Protein backbone atom coordinates (compact mmCIF):
# COMPACT_ATOMS: atom_id res chain seq x y z
CA MET A 1 -8.01 1.29 17.68
CA THR A 2 -9.18 -2.24 18.41
CA ASP A 3 -6.74 -5.04 19.18
CA HIS A 4 -7.55 -6.71 15.84
CA TYR A 5 -6.48 -3.65 13.87
CA PHE A 6 -3.57 -2.99 16.19
CA GLY A 7 -2.40 -6.54 15.52
CA LYS A 8 -2.18 -5.80 11.80
CA ARG A 9 -0.12 -2.63 12.27
CA ARG A 10 3.57 -3.42 12.40
CA THR A 11 6.77 -1.47 12.22
CA LEU A 12 9.09 -2.11 9.34
CA ALA A 13 11.56 -3.67 11.80
CA GLU A 14 8.88 -6.12 12.98
CA LEU A 15 8.02 -7.00 9.39
CA GLU A 16 11.73 -7.64 8.69
CA GLU A 17 11.41 -10.57 11.10
CA ILE A 18 7.96 -11.76 9.98
CA VAL A 19 8.38 -11.75 6.20
CA PRO A 20 11.52 -13.93 5.91
CA ALA A 21 9.94 -16.54 8.19
CA LEU A 22 6.84 -16.61 5.98
CA LYS A 23 8.93 -16.98 2.85
CA GLN A 24 11.00 -19.77 4.44
CA GLY A 25 7.71 -21.50 5.20
CA GLY A 26 6.84 -21.45 1.50
CA LYS A 27 4.41 -18.53 1.63
CA THR A 28 4.23 -15.99 -1.19
CA VAL A 29 4.45 -12.46 0.21
CA VAL A 30 2.87 -9.57 -1.71
CA LEU A 31 3.52 -5.89 -1.04
CA ALA A 32 1.04 -3.18 -2.06
CA ASN A 33 1.43 0.50 -1.26
CA GLY A 34 -0.23 3.88 -1.50
CA CYS A 35 -1.53 6.93 0.34
CA PHE A 36 -5.08 5.54 0.66
CA ASP A 37 -6.47 8.99 1.44
CA ILE A 38 -10.28 8.89 1.34
CA LEU A 39 -10.78 5.18 0.78
CA HIS A 40 -12.76 4.35 -2.36
CA VAL A 41 -13.75 1.28 -4.35
CA GLY A 42 -10.59 1.46 -6.49
CA HIS A 43 -8.49 1.03 -3.35
CA THR A 44 -10.44 -1.99 -2.14
CA ARG A 45 -10.34 -3.65 -5.57
CA TYR A 46 -6.58 -3.05 -5.79
CA LEU A 47 -5.97 -4.59 -2.36
CA GLN A 48 -8.25 -7.57 -3.04
CA ALA A 49 -6.46 -8.21 -6.33
CA ALA A 50 -3.06 -7.87 -4.63
CA LYS A 51 -4.05 -10.34 -1.92
CA ALA A 52 -5.15 -12.85 -4.58
CA LEU A 53 -1.58 -12.90 -5.95
CA GLY A 54 -0.14 -14.64 -2.89
CA ASP A 55 -0.59 -15.92 0.62
CA CYS A 56 0.18 -12.81 2.67
CA LEU A 57 -0.37 -9.14 1.91
CA VAL A 58 1.67 -6.34 3.43
CA VAL A 59 0.32 -2.86 2.76
CA ALA A 60 2.74 0.06 3.11
CA ILE A 61 1.03 3.43 3.58
CA ASN A 62 2.68 6.78 2.92
CA SER A 63 3.28 8.73 6.12
CA ASP A 64 1.61 12.12 6.42
CA GLU A 65 4.80 13.94 5.38
CA SER A 66 5.31 11.62 2.40
CA ALA A 67 1.68 12.00 1.27
CA ARG A 68 1.95 15.79 1.57
CA ARG A 69 5.08 15.82 -0.61
CA LEU A 70 3.38 13.68 -3.25
CA LYS A 71 -0.17 15.05 -3.18
CA GLY A 72 0.40 18.71 -2.30
CA PRO A 73 -1.01 21.22 0.19
CA GLY A 74 -4.04 20.13 2.19
CA ARG A 75 -3.27 16.44 1.82
CA PRO A 76 -3.64 13.97 3.22
CA ILE A 77 -7.22 14.58 4.30
CA LEU A 78 -7.00 11.75 6.84
CA ASP A 79 -3.91 11.42 9.04
CA GLU A 80 -1.73 8.34 8.79
CA ASN A 81 -3.13 6.70 11.93
CA ALA A 82 -6.67 6.94 10.57
CA ARG A 83 -5.56 5.64 7.16
CA VAL A 84 -3.72 2.71 8.79
CA GLU A 85 -6.76 1.81 10.89
CA ILE A 86 -9.09 1.95 7.87
CA ILE A 87 -6.82 -0.24 5.71
CA ALA A 88 -6.22 -2.64 8.62
CA GLY A 89 -9.99 -2.94 8.97
CA LEU A 90 -10.24 -4.44 5.49
CA GLU A 91 -10.06 -8.19 5.02
CA ALA A 92 -7.28 -8.29 2.42
CA PRO A 93 -4.25 -6.94 4.34
CA ASP A 94 -2.42 -9.20 6.76
CA TRP A 95 -0.14 -6.40 7.96
CA VAL A 96 0.03 -2.65 7.53
CA CYS A 97 3.00 -0.34 8.01
CA THR A 98 3.87 3.25 7.17
CA PHE A 99 6.84 4.56 5.21
CA HIS A 100 8.38 8.00 4.79
CA GLY A 101 9.94 8.00 1.32
CA ASN A 102 8.58 9.30 -1.95
CA ASP A 103 8.41 5.71 -3.14
CA VAL A 104 8.44 2.35 -1.41
CA SER A 105 11.97 1.29 -2.46
CA ASP A 106 13.33 1.18 1.09
CA VAL A 107 10.48 -1.07 2.23
CA ILE A 108 11.09 -3.37 -0.74
CA LYS A 109 14.84 -3.54 -0.04
CA ARG A 110 14.18 -4.46 3.57
CA LEU A 111 11.31 -6.94 3.08
CA ARG A 112 12.10 -8.38 -0.36
CA PRO A 113 8.51 -9.41 -1.12
CA ASP A 114 7.96 -12.04 -3.78
CA ILE A 115 5.55 -9.72 -5.59
CA HIS A 116 5.25 -5.96 -5.63
CA ALA A 117 1.65 -5.19 -6.65
CA LYS A 118 0.88 -1.80 -8.20
CA GLY A 119 -2.39 -0.34 -9.39
CA THR A 120 -3.46 0.13 -12.97
CA ASP A 121 -2.29 3.73 -13.07
CA TYR A 122 1.13 2.11 -13.70
CA THR A 123 2.55 -0.26 -16.26
CA GLU A 124 5.33 -2.69 -15.39
CA GLU A 125 7.74 -0.32 -17.15
CA THR A 126 6.64 2.78 -15.17
CA VAL A 127 6.74 1.32 -11.65
CA PRO A 128 9.41 3.43 -9.90
CA GLU A 129 10.63 0.52 -7.78
CA ARG A 130 10.81 -2.09 -10.57
CA GLU A 131 14.62 -2.27 -10.69
CA VAL A 132 14.81 -2.80 -6.93
CA VAL A 133 12.29 -5.65 -7.18
CA LYS A 134 14.10 -7.21 -10.15
CA SER A 135 17.47 -6.98 -8.35
CA TYR A 136 16.59 -9.84 -6.00
CA GLY A 137 14.36 -11.84 -8.37
CA GLY A 138 10.97 -10.49 -7.29
CA ARG A 139 8.12 -9.71 -9.68
CA VAL A 140 6.12 -6.56 -10.34
CA VAL A 141 2.44 -7.20 -11.06
CA ILE A 142 -0.14 -4.63 -12.12
CA CYS A 143 -3.54 -5.36 -10.60
CA GLY A 144 -6.91 -3.92 -9.68
CA ASP A 145 -9.56 -2.32 -11.80
CA PRO A 146 -8.99 0.47 -14.34
CA LYS A 147 -7.88 3.74 -12.77
CA ASP A 148 -11.15 5.62 -13.00
CA HIS A 149 -11.40 6.41 -9.28
CA ALA A 150 -9.26 8.98 -7.51
CA SER A 151 -9.35 10.60 -4.09
CA ARG A 152 -8.65 13.91 -5.85
CA SER A 153 -11.93 13.58 -7.79
CA PHE A 154 -13.89 12.92 -4.62
CA ILE A 155 -12.27 15.90 -2.89
CA GLU A 156 -13.19 18.17 -5.82
CA LYS A 157 -16.77 16.86 -5.81
CA ILE A 158 -17.12 17.48 -2.06
CA ARG A 159 -15.69 20.99 -2.43
CA SER A 160 -18.21 21.80 -5.20
CA ILE A 161 -21.08 20.66 -2.99
CA VAL A 162 -19.88 22.60 0.06
CA GLU A 163 -19.19 25.83 -1.81
């Protein structure tokens, strides 16, 4: 991993020091999250849209164990270190971390981002972490393009070609 990408990867403890300082400096901090297994155009559009909502974008990526619980056997295809490096290589994220829960509530409680950005497979009412975000005055924003891309679809297409 190059130093540039390594510089974007932070622990949650490190981000707990960075984010409050940014907010005190008047910056709007946005949090986006996901598994990001087999990066596709929907992911990049989501992250670009999330970044446009504020000054700084933190991307929280499901750990391997978390992704496996959510996505099922055989997932993730790419391990968490590869997924972190790929996301860190994109322009939009300022920092990238991993998390172990089934949702990103713990990260939100610890970082208290101004905006929690979710993809268009959610509505503001269906975001699992919405009450946590609302509890400290943050906002939930749905962004990105319509959910017509999915890693699962790409995996199925690859399997059909290989078989």
